[in-house]
Amino acid sequence: MEANSETNSEINALGYIGIQSQRLEDWTGFATSLLGMQPVDRGGGTRAFRMDDRKQRLVVSDREGDNAAFFGWEVADAAALERLAARLERHGTAVRRGTRQLADERHVADLIGFRDPAGNPLEVFYGPAIANTPFAPARPISGFKTGPLGMGHVVLHVEDVDPLLPFYRDLLGFKVSDYGLTPYKLYFFHVNGRHHSFAMVGSGRRGLHHFMVELYSLDDVGQGYDLAQLDEGRIAYTLGRHTNDFVTSFYATTPSGFFVEYGWGGRVIDPATWQPHETFDGPSFWGHDRLYMEPESRARLRDMRLSAAARGVRAPMPDCPWLDAVTGRGEFVKRT
């Protein structure tokens, strides 16, 4: 499958995530006390959580598996949904039309469901329902950075990237932000100005690696880090900063065993001018020590961070005329 004019993406954001887990009470405590999400009153075997003005962003259902139950991707309207459904069907992907009951459960106007070539469950929807009360976080935080950037991002373990790349890039229209090829293939994709809303890592495994939520304040992340350290084994990655999206974050182990990245300061790109490229500096400028890994793997990643530091690799400094004048940085930039 090759990219062509029909693959301009209708998808514009990650709208919601569904998790299947029988650890509902553990998830409720994790999502509220640590992440600061607002619980939504949903009876039976479902727990739902708000992050902003929408009625729900995260849904946890009482089912075996401890993995992703669905990923909800957003389009602008009914026409965009129909165009995408027709394109998927033309290329041999079975599409399930959402029932009225399912749309009501998801709090959307309409949706479709399908699976990627690896079997991951995807949904695409339009018309998210807006709550009639303001967002009330479960602990004092400044709020989550969502809006047109969507809920955050998701990263999947996949057995092999190559069969999935044409599906996400050429059929769904996700745009490659950057990629790494060693020691395994890792691709990042954007659907709006967020550096990436989706990524997949060819780890030889299957399942959800993590999802990321972004806060408006670095202090929210730091205070969450303090809280996470009170719970033995909760920290999966120490506090650190990524090289590609510039997010400063830590990773917490969820009740289901995969991770949530809790971050601040994400890079916003211009999708119209962005050029995909291969990366070589490793995933982090500093920090993000993977505490769950074996010593050899941790040491390899640490050496990559130290190499980047020795070469002076860091995120670009923000434009500041006063700082340029004081440091002479502007003159340096002009001369070089």
C-alpha atoms as a PDB file:
ATOM      1  CA  MET A   1       0.000   0.000   0.000  1.00  0.00           C
ATOM      2  CA  GLU A   2       1.439   3.352  -0.994  1.00  0.00           C
ATOM      3  CA  ALA A   3       0.484   6.826   0.141  1.00  0.00           C
ATOM      4  CA  ASN A   4      -1.693   8.722  -2.305  1.00  0.00           C
ATOM      5  CA  SER A   5      -4.117  11.631  -2.427  1.00  0.00           C
ATOM      6  CA  GLU A   6      -6.942   9.666  -0.791  1.00  0.00           C
ATOM      7  CA  THR A   7      -4.974   9.092   2.400  1.00  0.00           C
ATOM      8  CA  ASN A   8      -5.169  12.634   3.731  1.00  0.00           C
ATOM      9  CA  SER A   9      -6.058  11.902   7.333  1.00  0.00           C
ATOM     10  CA  GLU A  10      -9.503  12.724   8.651  1.00  0.00           C
ATOM     11  CA  ILE A  11      -8.275  11.728  12.126  1.00  0.00           C
ATOM     12  CA  ASN A  12      -7.297  14.807  14.124  1.00  0.00           C
ATOM     13  CA  ALA A  13      -6.799  13.692  17.748  1.00  0.00           C
ATOM     14  CA  LEU A  14      -6.703  10.866  20.252  1.00  0.00           C
ATOM     15  CA  GLY A  15     -10.092  11.211  21.931  1.00  0.00           C
ATOM     16  CA  TYR A  16     -10.341   8.481  24.557  1.00  0.00           C
ATOM     17  CA  ILE A  17      -8.850   5.205  25.775  1.00  0.00           C
ATOM     18  CA  GLY A  18     -10.552   2.101  27.118  1.00  0.00           C
ATOM     19  CA  ILE A  19      -8.849  -0.354  29.457  1.00  0.00           C
ATOM     20  CA  GLN A  20     -10.019  -3.851  30.398  1.00  0.00           C
ATOM     21  CA  SER A  21      -9.117  -4.844  33.949  1.00  0.00           C
ATOM     22  CA  GLN A  22     -10.705  -6.525  36.922  1.00  0.00           C
ATOM     23  CA  ARG A  23      -8.776  -4.195  39.247  1.00  0.00           C
ATOM     24  CA  LEU A  24     -11.415  -1.480  39.183  1.00  0.00           C
ATOM     25  CA  GLU A  25     -10.814  -0.132  42.667  1.00  0.00           C
ATOM     26  CA  ASP A  26      -7.057  -0.042  42.136  1.00  0.00           C
ATOM     27  CA  TRP A  27      -7.586   1.819  38.875  1.00  0.00           C
ATOM     28  CA  THR A  28      -9.898   4.298  40.572  1.00  0.00           C
ATOM     29  CA  GLY A  29      -7.274   5.092  43.185  1.00  0.00           C
ATOM     30  CA  PHE A  30      -4.519   5.351  40.568  1.00  0.00           C
ATOM     31  CA  ALA A  31      -6.482   7.592  38.180  1.00  0.00           C
ATOM     32  CA  THR A  32      -7.687   9.946  40.911  1.00  0.00           C
ATOM     33  CA  SER A  33      -5.146  10.084  43.732  1.00  0.00           C
ATOM     34  CA  LEU A  34      -2.064  10.016  41.502  1.00  0.00           C
ATOM     35  CA  LEU A  35      -3.106  11.274  38.054  1.00  0.00           C
ATOM     36  CA  GLY A  36      -5.728  13.713  39.334  1.00  0.00           C
ATOM     37  CA  MET A  37      -8.517  12.652  36.972  1.00  0.00           C
ATOM     38  CA  GLN A  38     -12.122  13.229  37.989  1.00  0.00           C
ATOM     39  CA  PRO A  39     -14.192  10.075  38.566  1.00  0.00           C
ATOM     40  CA  VAL A  40     -17.510   9.845  36.750  1.00  0.00           C
ATOM     41  CA  ASP A  41     -20.446   8.072  38.354  1.00  0.00           C
ATOM     42  CA  ARG A  42     -20.757   4.915  36.258  1.00  0.00           C
ATOM     43  CA  GLY A  43     -22.358   1.890  37.882  1.00  0.00           C
ATOM     44  CA  GLY A  44     -21.814  -1.811  37.332  1.00  0.00           C
ATOM     45  CA  GLY A  45     -18.501  -2.985  35.977  1.00  0.00           C
ATOM     46  CA  THR A  46     -17.294   0.294  34.466  1.00  0.00           C
ATOM     47  CA  ARG A  47     -15.296   3.214  35.832  1.00  0.00           C
ATOM     48  CA  ALA A  48     -14.905   6.408  33.802  1.00  0.00           C
ATOM     49  CA  PHE A  49     -12.738   9.473  34.330  1.00  0.00           C
ATOM     50  CA  ARG A  50     -12.681  13.060  33.086  1.00  0.00           C
ATOM     51  CA  MET A  51      -9.643  15.166  32.193  1.00  0.00           C
ATOM     52  CA  ASP A  52     -11.347  18.288  30.854  1.00  0.00           C
ATOM     53  CA  ASP A  53     -14.750  19.492  29.674  1.00  0.00           C
ATOM     54  CA  ARG A  54     -15.622  16.200  27.977  1.00  0.00           C
ATOM     55  CA  LYS A  55     -17.789  13.666  29.750  1.00  0.00           C
ATOM     56  CA  GLN A  56     -15.057  11.047  29.755  1.00  0.00           C
ATOM     57  CA  ARG A  57     -11.548  10.397  28.492  1.00  0.00           C
ATOM     58  CA  LEU A  58     -10.516   7.156  30.237  1.00  0.00           C
ATOM     59  CA  VAL A  59     -12.820   4.152  30.657  1.00  0.00           C
ATOM     60  CA  VAL A  60     -11.931   1.017  32.645  1.00  0.00           C
ATOM     61  CA  SER A  61     -14.186  -2.024  32.227  1.00  0.00           C
ATOM     62  CA  ASP A  62     -14.374  -5.094  34.446  1.00  0.00           C
ATOM     63  CA  ARG A  63     -12.962  -7.636  32.030  1.00  0.00           C
ATOM     64  CA  GLU A  64      -9.996  -9.992  32.102  1.00  0.00           C
ATOM     65  CA  GLY A  65      -6.881  -9.091  30.194  1.00  0.00           C
ATOM     66  CA  ASP A  66      -5.275  -6.005  31.752  1.00  0.00           C
ATOM     67  CA  ASN A  67      -4.713  -4.359  28.394  1.00  0.00           C
ATOM     68  CA  ALA A  68      -6.242  -1.810  26.049  1.00  0.00           C
ATOM     69  CA  ALA A  69      -9.882  -2.471  25.191  1.00  0.00           C
ATOM     70  CA  PHE A  70     -10.089   0.292  22.555  1.00  0.00           C
ATOM     71  CA  PHE A  71      -8.461   3.496  21.347  1.00  0.00           C
ATOM     72  CA  GLY A  72     -10.849   6.252  20.278  1.00  0.00           C
ATOM     73  CA  TRP A  73      -9.643   8.504  17.448  1.00  0.00           C
ATOM     74  CA  GLU A  74     -11.558  11.659  16.590  1.00  0.00           C
ATOM     75  CA  VAL A  75     -12.696  13.121  13.260  1.00  0.00           C
ATOM     76  CA  ALA A  76     -14.436  16.408  12.598  1.00  0.00           C
ATOM     77  CA  ASP A  77     -17.912  15.301  11.510  1.00  0.00           C
ATOM     78  CA  ALA A  78     -20.154  12.614  10.019  1.00  0.00           C
ATOM     79  CA  ALA A  79     -18.817  13.166   6.499  1.00  0.00           C
ATOM     80  CA  ALA A  80     -15.228  12.585   7.640  1.00  0.00           C
ATOM     81  CA  LEU A  81     -16.316   9.422   9.472  1.00  0.00           C
ATOM     82  CA  GLU A  82     -18.016   8.096   6.339  1.00  0.00           C
ATOM     83  CA  ARG A  83     -14.993   8.867   4.139  1.00  0.00           C
ATOM     84  CA  LEU A  84     -12.702   6.991   6.469  1.00  0.00           C
ATOM     85  CA  ALA A  85     -15.080   4.031   6.790  1.00  0.00           C
ATOM     86  CA  ALA A  86     -15.363   3.781   3.004  1.00  0.00           C
ATOM     87  CA  ARG A  87     -11.587   3.944   2.547  1.00  0.00           C
ATOM     88  CA  LEU A  88     -11.013   1.225   5.142  1.00  0.00           C
ATOM     89  CA  GLU A  89     -13.565  -1.038   3.470  1.00  0.00           C
ATOM     90  CA  ARG A  90     -12.074  -0.455   0.017  1.00  0.00           C
ATOM     91  CA  HIS A  91      -8.738  -1.662   1.350  1.00  0.00           C
ATOM     92  CA  GLY A  92     -10.172  -4.793   2.937  1.00  0.00           C
ATOM     93  CA  THR A  93     -10.529  -3.729   6.578  1.00  0.00           C
ATOM     94  CA  ALA A  94     -13.757  -4.946   8.165  1.00  0.00           C
ATOM     95  CA  VAL A  95     -15.635  -1.985   9.670  1.00  0.00           C
ATOM     96  CA  ARG A  96     -18.276  -2.312  12.381  1.00  0.00           C
ATOM     97  CA  ARG A  97     -20.834   0.465  12.496  1.00  0.00           C
ATOM     98  CA  GLY A  98     -21.432   1.628  16.051  1.00  0.00           C
ATOM     99  CA  THR A  99     -24.860   1.064  17.560  1.00  0.00           C
ATOM    100  CA  ARG A 100     -26.790   3.846  19.264  1.00  0.00           C
ATOM    101  CA  GLN A 101     -26.202   2.121  22.590  1.00  0.00           C
ATOM    102  CA  LEU A 102     -22.436   2.026  22.035  1.00  0.00           C
ATOM    103  CA  ALA A 103     -22.359   5.681  20.957  1.00  0.00           C
ATOM    104  CA  ASP A 104     -24.209   6.595  24.137  1.00  0.00           C
ATOM    105  CA  GLU A 105     -21.733   4.598  26.232  1.00  0.00           C
ATOM    106  CA  ARG A 106     -18.845   6.414  24.569  1.00  0.00           C
ATOM    107  CA  HIS A 107     -20.673   9.781  24.838  1.00  0.00           C
ATOM    108  CA  VAL A 108     -20.262  10.534  21.131  1.00  0.00           C
ATOM    109  CA  ALA A 109     -22.600  11.249  18.223  1.00  0.00           C
ATOM    110  CA  ASP A 110     -21.492   8.242  16.144  1.00  0.00           C
ATOM    111  CA  LEU A 111     -18.554   5.878  15.696  1.00  0.00           C
ATOM    112  CA  ILE A 112     -17.093   2.955  13.810  1.00  0.00           C
ATOM    113  CA  GLY A 113     -14.863   0.120  15.035  1.00  0.00           C
ATOM    114  CA  PHE A 114     -12.154  -1.976  13.350  1.00  0.00           C
ATOM    115  CA  ARG A 115      -8.799  -3.631  14.065  1.00  0.00           C
ATOM    116  CA  ASP A 116      -5.330  -2.922  12.785  1.00  0.00           C
ATOM    117  CA  PRO A 117      -3.378  -5.785  11.105  1.00  0.00           C
ATOM    118  CA  ALA A 118      -2.011  -6.860  14.510  1.00  0.00           C
ATOM    119  CA  GLY A 119      -5.491  -7.057  16.005  1.00  0.00           C
ATOM    120  CA  ASN A 120      -5.397  -3.875  18.099  1.00  0.00           C
ATOM    121  CA  PRO A 121      -8.956  -2.534  18.638  1.00  0.00           C
ATOM    122  CA  LEU A 122      -9.558   0.938  17.192  1.00  0.00           C
ATOM    123  CA  GLU A 123     -12.582   3.209  17.148  1.00  0.00           C
ATOM    124  CA  VAL A 124     -13.151   6.436  15.239  1.00  0.00           C
ATOM    125  CA  PHE A 125     -15.852   8.858  16.315  1.00  0.00           C
ATOM    126  CA  TYR A 126     -17.184  12.375  15.938  1.00  0.00           C
ATOM    127  CA  GLY A 127     -19.287  14.627  18.155  1.00  0.00           C
ATOM    128  CA  PRO A 128     -17.937  14.138  21.682  1.00  0.00           C
ATOM    129  CA  ALA A 129     -20.376  15.060  24.455  1.00  0.00           C
ATOM    130  CA  ILE A 130     -19.446  18.032  26.642  1.00  0.00           C
ATOM    131  CA  ALA A 131     -20.147  17.880  30.367  1.00  0.00           C
ATOM    132  CA  ASN A 132     -22.494  20.434  31.915  1.00  0.00           C
ATOM    133  CA  THR A 133     -20.215  20.955  34.926  1.00  0.00           C
ATOM    134  CA  PRO A 134     -16.607  22.201  35.028  1.00  0.00           C
ATOM    135  CA  PHE A 135     -13.753  19.715  35.341  1.00  0.00           C
ATOM    136  CA  ALA A 136     -12.973  19.085  39.021  1.00  0.00           C
ATOM    137  CA  PRO A 137      -9.633  17.282  39.464  1.00  0.00           C
ATOM    138  CA  ALA A 138      -9.382  14.694  42.214  1.00  0.00           C
ATOM    139  CA  ARG A 139      -6.231  16.340  43.575  1.00  0.00           C
ATOM    140  CA  PRO A 140      -5.026  19.932  43.176  1.00  0.00           C
ATOM    141  CA  ILE A 141      -3.529  20.192  39.664  1.00  0.00           C
ATOM    142  CA  SER A 142      -3.523  22.948  37.063  1.00  0.00           C
ATOM    143  CA  GLY A 143      -5.272  20.691  34.562  1.00  0.00           C
ATOM    144  CA  PHE A 144      -4.499  18.499  31.567  1.00  0.00           C
ATOM    145  CA  LYS A 145      -3.319  19.886  28.234  1.00  0.00           C
ATOM    146  CA  THR A 146      -5.910  18.504  25.827  1.00  0.00           C
ATOM    147  CA  GLY A 147      -8.146  20.587  23.505  1.00  0.00           C
ATOM    148  CA  PRO A 148      -7.145  20.323  19.816  1.00  0.00           C
ATOM    149  CA  LEU A 149      -4.052  18.296  20.832  1.00  0.00           C
ATOM    150  CA  GLY A 150      -6.247  15.470  22.084  1.00  0.00           C
ATOM    151  CA  MET A 151      -6.009  13.353  25.205  1.00  0.00           C
ATOM    152  CA  GLY A 152      -2.273  12.680  24.915  1.00  0.00           C
ATOM    153  CA  HIS A 153      -0.532   9.788  23.197  1.00  0.00           C
ATOM    154  CA  VAL A 154      -0.408   5.997  23.156  1.00  0.00           C
ATOM    155  CA  VAL A 155       2.562   3.711  22.467  1.00  0.00           C
ATOM    156  CA  LEU A 156       2.104   0.079  21.468  1.00  0.00           C
ATOM    157  CA  HIS A 157       4.367  -2.932  21.663  1.00  0.00           C
ATOM    158  CA  VAL A 158       4.231  -4.708  18.286  1.00  0.00           C
ATOM    159  CA  GLU A 159       5.885  -7.868  17.067  1.00  0.00           C
ATOM    160  CA  ASP A 160       6.923  -6.281  13.775  1.00  0.00           C
ATOM    161  CA  VAL A 161       6.591  -2.636  12.716  1.00  0.00           C
ATOM    162  CA  ASP A 162       6.784  -3.252   8.975  1.00  0.00           C
ATOM    163  CA  PRO A 163       3.298  -4.737   8.382  1.00  0.00           C
ATOM    164  CA  LEU A 164       1.693  -1.973  10.469  1.00  0.00           C
ATOM    165  CA  LEU A 165       3.486   1.001   8.955  1.00  0.00           C
ATOM    166  CA  PRO A 166       1.413   1.091   5.726  1.00  0.00           C
ATOM    167  CA  PHE A 167      -1.809   0.767   7.704  1.00  0.00           C
ATOM    168  CA  TYR A 168      -1.228   3.712  10.026  1.00  0.00           C
ATOM    169  CA  ARG A 169       0.745   5.912   7.643  1.00  0.00           C
ATOM    170  CA  ASP A 170      -0.856   5.244   4.266  1.00  0.00           C
ATOM    171  CA  LEU A 171      -4.390   4.140   5.113  1.00  0.00           C
ATOM    172  CA  LEU A 172      -5.240   6.037   8.299  1.00  0.00           C
ATOM    173  CA  GLY A 173      -3.071   8.975   7.218  1.00  0.00           C
ATOM    174  CA  PHE A 174      -0.973   9.336  10.375  1.00  0.00           C
ATOM    175  CA  LYS A 175       2.128  11.428   9.655  1.00  0.00           C
ATOM    176  CA  VAL A 176       5.573  10.221  10.690  1.00  0.00           C
ATOM    177  CA  SER A 177       7.255  12.586  13.137  1.00  0.00           C
ATOM    178  CA  ASP A 178      10.502  10.679  13.544  1.00  0.00           C
ATOM    179  CA  TYR A 179      11.781   7.140  13.850  1.00  0.00           C
ATOM    180  CA  GLY A 180      14.658   5.021  15.114  1.00  0.00           C
ATOM    181  CA  LEU A 181      15.893   1.802  13.538  1.00  0.00           C
ATOM    182  CA  THR A 182      18.282   0.406  16.157  1.00  0.00           C
ATOM    183  CA  PRO A 183      18.316  -1.581  18.377  1.00  0.00           C
ATOM    184  CA  TYR A 184      14.673  -2.017  17.280  1.00  0.00           C
ATOM    185  CA  LYS A 185      12.308  -0.090  15.047  1.00  0.00           C
ATOM    186  CA  LEU A 186      10.405   2.707  16.745  1.00  0.00           C
ATOM    187  CA  TYR A 187       8.020   5.037  14.852  1.00  0.00           C
ATOM    188  CA  PHE A 188       6.287   8.182  16.150  1.00  0.00           C
ATOM    189  CA  PHE A 189       3.246   9.693  14.372  1.00  0.00           C
ATOM    190  CA  HIS A 190       1.370  12.982  14.650  1.00  0.00           C
ATOM    191  CA  VAL A 191      -2.245  13.808  13.734  1.00  0.00           C
ATOM    192  CA  ASN A 192      -2.175  17.424  14.988  1.00  0.00           C
ATOM    193  CA  GLY A 193       0.383  19.762  16.547  1.00  0.00           C
ATOM    194  CA  ARG A 194       1.321  17.371  19.346  1.00  0.00           C
ATOM    195  CA  HIS A 195       4.689  15.879  18.391  1.00  0.00           C
ATOM    196  CA  HIS A 196       3.165  12.416  18.515  1.00  0.00           C
ATOM    197  CA  SER A 197      -0.240  11.038  19.359  1.00  0.00           C
ATOM    198  CA  PHE A 198       0.718   7.474  18.470  1.00  0.00           C
ATOM    199  CA  ALA A 199       3.888   5.394  18.427  1.00  0.00           C
ATOM    200  CA  MET A 200       4.796   1.758  18.018  1.00  0.00           C
ATOM    201  CA  VAL A 201       7.911  -0.106  19.062  1.00  0.00           C
ATOM    202  CA  GLY A 202       8.957  -3.342  17.377  1.00  0.00           C
ATOM    203  CA  SER A 203       9.786  -5.107  20.627  1.00  0.00           C
ATOM    204  CA  GLY A 204       8.563  -8.513  19.508  1.00  0.00           C
ATOM    205  CA  ARG A 205       5.727  -8.262  22.020  1.00  0.00           C
ATOM    206  CA  ARG A 206       2.069  -7.249  21.757  1.00  0.00           C
ATOM    207  CA  GLY A 207       0.088  -4.876  23.938  1.00  0.00           C
ATOM    208  CA  LEU A 208       0.003  -1.383  25.356  1.00  0.00           C
ATOM    209  CA  HIS A 209       3.389  -0.013  26.442  1.00  0.00           C
ATOM    210  CA  HIS A 210       2.026   3.251  27.861  1.00  0.00           C
ATOM    211  CA  PHE A 211      -0.256   6.190  27.388  1.00  0.00           C
ATOM    212  CA  MET A 212       0.770   9.762  28.154  1.00  0.00           C
ATOM    213  CA  VAL A 213      -1.134  12.629  29.716  1.00  0.00           C
ATOM    214  CA  GLU A 214       0.298  16.151  29.774  1.00  0.00           C
ATOM    215  CA  LEU A 215      -0.136  18.678  32.574  1.00  0.00           C
ATOM    216  CA  TYR A 216      -0.093  22.475  32.354  1.00  0.00           C
ATOM    217  CA  SER A 217       2.418  22.812  35.191  1.00  0.00           C
ATOM    218  CA  LEU A 218       5.779  21.153  35.825  1.00  0.00           C
ATOM    219  CA  ASP A 219       4.952  21.357  39.539  1.00  0.00           C
ATOM    220  CA  ASP A 220       1.964  19.060  38.933  1.00  0.00           C
ATOM    221  CA  VAL A 221       4.377  16.477  37.542  1.00  0.00           C
ATOM    222  CA  GLY A 222       6.862  16.940  40.385  1.00  0.00           C
ATOM    223  CA  GLN A 223       4.178  16.606  43.030  1.00  0.00           C
ATOM    224  CA  GLY A 224       2.850  13.517  41.262  1.00  0.00           C
ATOM    225  CA  TYR A 225       6.376  12.127  41.306  1.00  0.00           C
ATOM    226  CA  ASP A 226       6.537  12.626  45.070  1.00  0.00           C
ATOM    227  CA  LEU A 227       3.198  10.864  45.479  1.00  0.00           C
ATOM    228  CA  ALA A 228       4.230   7.961  43.252  1.00  0.00           C
ATOM    229  CA  GLN A 229       7.383   7.402  45.276  1.00  0.00           C
ATOM    230  CA  LEU A 230       5.260   6.755  48.366  1.00  0.00           C
ATOM    231  CA  ASP A 231       3.988   3.566  46.713  1.00  0.00           C
ATOM    232  CA  GLU A 232       6.791   0.995  46.443  1.00  0.00           C
ATOM    233  CA  GLY A 233       7.309  -0.168  42.866  1.00  0.00           C
ATOM    234  CA  ARG A 234       5.053   2.515  41.376  1.00  0.00           C
ATOM    235  CA  ILE A 235       7.866   4.369  39.563  1.00  0.00           C
ATOM    236  CA  ALA A 236       8.829   2.629  36.314  1.00  0.00           C
ATOM    237  CA  TYR A 237      10.929   5.452  34.774  1.00  0.00           C
ATOM    238  CA  THR A 238      12.521   8.124  36.902  1.00  0.00           C
ATOM    239  CA  LEU A 239      11.990  11.802  36.128  1.00  0.00           C
ATOM    240  CA  GLY A 240      13.602  12.725  32.805  1.00  0.00           C
ATOM    241  CA  ARG A 241      13.244  14.598  29.513  1.00  0.00           C
ATOM    242  CA  HIS A 242      12.705  13.107  26.067  1.00  0.00           C
ATOM    243  CA  THR A 243      14.827  14.023  23.062  1.00  0.00           C
ATOM    244  CA  ASN A 244      12.109  14.091  20.421  1.00  0.00           C
ATOM    245  CA  ASP A 245       8.997  15.641  22.013  1.00  0.00           C
ATOM    246  CA  PHE A 246      10.867  17.495  24.834  1.00  0.00           C
ATOM    247  CA  VAL A 247       8.403  16.231  27.464  1.00  0.00           C
ATOM    248  CA  THR A 248       9.667  16.217  31.049  1.00  0.00           C
ATOM    249  CA  SER A 249       7.997  13.258  32.729  1.00  0.00           C
ATOM    250  CA  PHE A 250       8.076  10.151  34.837  1.00  0.00           C
ATOM    251  CA  TYR A 251       6.382   6.829  34.132  1.00  0.00           C
ATOM    252  CA  ALA A 252       4.172   5.102  36.672  1.00  0.00           C
ATOM    253  CA  THR A 253       3.219   1.439  36.636  1.00  0.00           C
ATOM    254  CA  THR A 254      -0.543   1.072  36.375  1.00  0.00           C
ATOM    255  CA  PRO A 255      -2.625  -1.563  38.194  1.00  0.00           C
ATOM    256  CA  SER A 256      -2.618  -3.461  34.878  1.00  0.00           C
ATOM    257  CA  GLY A 257       1.170  -3.564  34.570  1.00  0.00           C
ATOM    258  CA  PHE A 258       1.695  -1.220  31.630  1.00  0.00           C
ATOM    259  CA  PHE A 259       2.724   2.396  32.193  1.00  0.00           C
ATOM    260  CA  VAL A 260       1.321   5.913  32.235  1.00  0.00           C
ATOM    261  CA  GLU A 261       3.667   8.751  31.318  1.00  0.00           C
ATOM    262  CA  TYR A 262       2.904  11.845  33.403  1.00  0.00           C
ATOM    263  CA  GLY A 263       4.485  14.827  31.702  1.00  0.00           C
ATOM    264  CA  TRP A 264       4.800  18.527  31.005  1.00  0.00           C
ATOM    265  CA  GLY A 265       6.283  20.783  28.323  1.00  0.00           C
ATOM    266  CA  GLY A 266       5.514  18.803  25.178  1.00  0.00           C
ATOM    267  CA  ARG A 267       6.699  20.055  21.830  1.00  0.00           C
ATOM    268  CA  VAL A 268       4.072  21.503  19.491  1.00  0.00           C
ATOM    269  CA  ILE A 269       5.013  21.178  15.831  1.00  0.00           C
ATOM    270  CA  ASP A 270       3.651  22.632  12.583  1.00  0.00           C
ATOM    271  CA  PRO A 271       2.269  19.613  10.704  1.00  0.00           C
ATOM    272  CA  ALA A 272       2.328  21.548   7.424  1.00  0.00           C
ATOM    273  CA  THR A 273       6.093  21.997   7.444  1.00  0.00           C
ATOM    274  CA  TRP A 274       7.363  19.150   9.633  1.00  0.00           C
ATOM    275  CA  GLN A 275       9.822  16.751   7.994  1.00  0.00           C
ATOM    276  CA  PRO A 276      10.143  13.174   9.289  1.00  0.00           C
ATOM    277  CA  HIS A 277      13.656  12.098  10.184  1.00  0.00           C
ATOM    278  CA  GLU A 278      15.660   9.332  11.798  1.00  0.00           C
ATOM    279  CA  THR A 279      16.880   9.891  15.355  1.00  0.00           C
ATOM    280  CA  PHE A 280      20.156   8.659  16.821  1.00  0.00           C
ATOM    281  CA  ASP A 281      20.545  10.222  20.288  1.00  0.00           C
ATOM    282  CA  GLY A 282      18.429   7.806  22.285  1.00  0.00           C
ATOM    283  CA  PRO A 283      15.063   8.490  23.923  1.00  0.00           C
ATOM    284  CA  SER A 284      16.091  10.917  26.691  1.00  0.00           C
ATOM    285  CA  PHE A 285      18.412  13.880  27.299  1.00  0.00           C
ATOM    286  CA  TRP A 286      18.635  12.886  30.954  1.00  0.00           C
ATOM    287  CA  GLY A 287      16.825  10.757  33.510  1.00  0.00           C
ATOM    288  CA  HIS A 288      14.130   8.213  32.601  1.00  0.00           C
ATOM    289  CA  ASP A 289      16.131   5.432  34.224  1.00  0.00           C
ATOM    290  CA  ARG A 290      14.045   2.311  33.580  1.00  0.00           C
ATOM    291  CA  LEU A 291      13.877   0.844  37.064  1.00  0.00           C
ATOM    292  CA  TYR A 292      12.047  -2.272  35.891  1.00  0.00           C
ATOM    293  CA  MET A 293      14.776  -3.297  33.428  1.00  0.00           C
ATOM    294  CA  GLU A 294      17.680  -5.664  33.942  1.00  0.00           C
ATOM    295  CA  PRO A 295      21.010  -3.945  34.773  1.00  0.00           C
ATOM    296  CA  GLU A 296      22.506  -4.538  31.324  1.00  0.00           C
ATOM    297  CA  SER A 297      19.606  -2.853  29.503  1.00  0.00           C
ATOM    298  CA  ARG A 298      19.554   0.024  31.990  1.00  0.00           C
ATOM    299  CA  ALA A 299      23.285   0.533  31.492  1.00  0.00           C
ATOM    300  CA  ARG A 300      22.934   0.651  27.698  1.00  0.00           C
ATOM    301  CA  LEU A 301      20.312   3.389  27.904  1.00  0.00           C
ATOM    302  CA  ARG A 302      22.334   5.254  30.521  1.00  0.00           C
ATOM    303  CA  ASP A 303      25.347   5.212  28.196  1.00  0.00           C
ATOM    304  CA  MET A 304      23.220   6.727  25.422  1.00  0.00           C
ATOM    305  CA  ARG A 305      22.177   9.565  27.742  1.00  0.00           C
ATOM    306  CA  LEU A 306      25.766  10.177  28.831  1.00  0.00           C
ATOM    307  CA  SER A 307      26.909  10.206  25.203  1.00  0.00           C
ATOM    308  CA  ALA A 308      24.263  12.773  24.309  1.00  0.00           C
ATOM    309  CA  ALA A 309      25.290  14.893  27.295  1.00  0.00           C
ATOM    310  CA  ALA A 310      28.979  14.689  26.354  1.00  0.00           C
ATOM    311  CA  ARG A 311      28.096  15.978  22.881  1.00  0.00           C
ATOM    312  CA  GLY A 312      26.020  18.815  24.290  1.00  0.00           C
ATOM    313  CA  VAL A 313      22.724  17.486  22.920  1.00  0.00           C
ATOM    314  CA  ARG A 314      19.794  19.358  24.439  1.00  0.00           C
ATOM    315  CA  ALA A 315      16.452  20.887  23.527  1.00  0.00           C
ATOM    316  CA  PRO A 316      16.556  24.276  21.757  1.00  0.00           C
ATOM    317  CA  MET A 317      16.317  27.225  24.112  1.00  0.00           C
ATOM    318  CA  PRO A 318      13.168  29.327  23.685  1.00  0.00           C
ATOM    319  CA  ASP A 319      13.476  32.652  21.884  1.00  0.00           C
ATOM    320  CA  CYS A 320      14.237  35.429  24.354  1.00  0.00           C
ATOM    321  CA  PRO A 321      15.614  38.753  23.030  1.00  0.00           C
ATOM    322  CA  TRP A 322      16.790  39.785  26.507  1.00  0.00           C
ATOM    323  CA  LEU A 323      18.713  36.527  26.996  1.00  0.00           C
ATOM    324  CA  ASP A 324      20.170  36.778  23.502  1.00  0.00           C
ATOM    325  CA  ALA A 325      21.471  40.270  24.281  1.00  0.00           C
ATOM    326  CA  VAL A 326      22.971  39.259  27.623  1.00  0.00           C
ATOM    327  CA  THR A 327      24.628  36.043  26.473  1.00  0.00           C
ATOM    328  CA  GLY A 328      25.484  37.003  22.918  1.00  0.00           C
ATOM    329  CA  ARG A 329      23.547  34.000  21.736  1.00  0.00           C
ATOM    330  CA  GLY A 330      21.971  36.007  18.944  1.00  0.00           C
ATOM    331  CA  GLU A 331      25.372  36.996  17.591  1.00  0.00           C
ATOM    332  CA  PHE A 332      26.467  33.373  17.779  1.00  0.00           C
ATOM    333  CA  VAL A 333      23.452  32.293  15.794  1.00  0.00           C
ATOM    334  CA  LYS A 334      24.075  34.989  13.165  1.00  0.00           C
ATOM    335  CA  ARG A 335      27.726  34.025  12.770  1.00  0.00           C
ATOM    336  CA  THR A 336      26.929  30.350  12.431  1.00  0.00           C
END
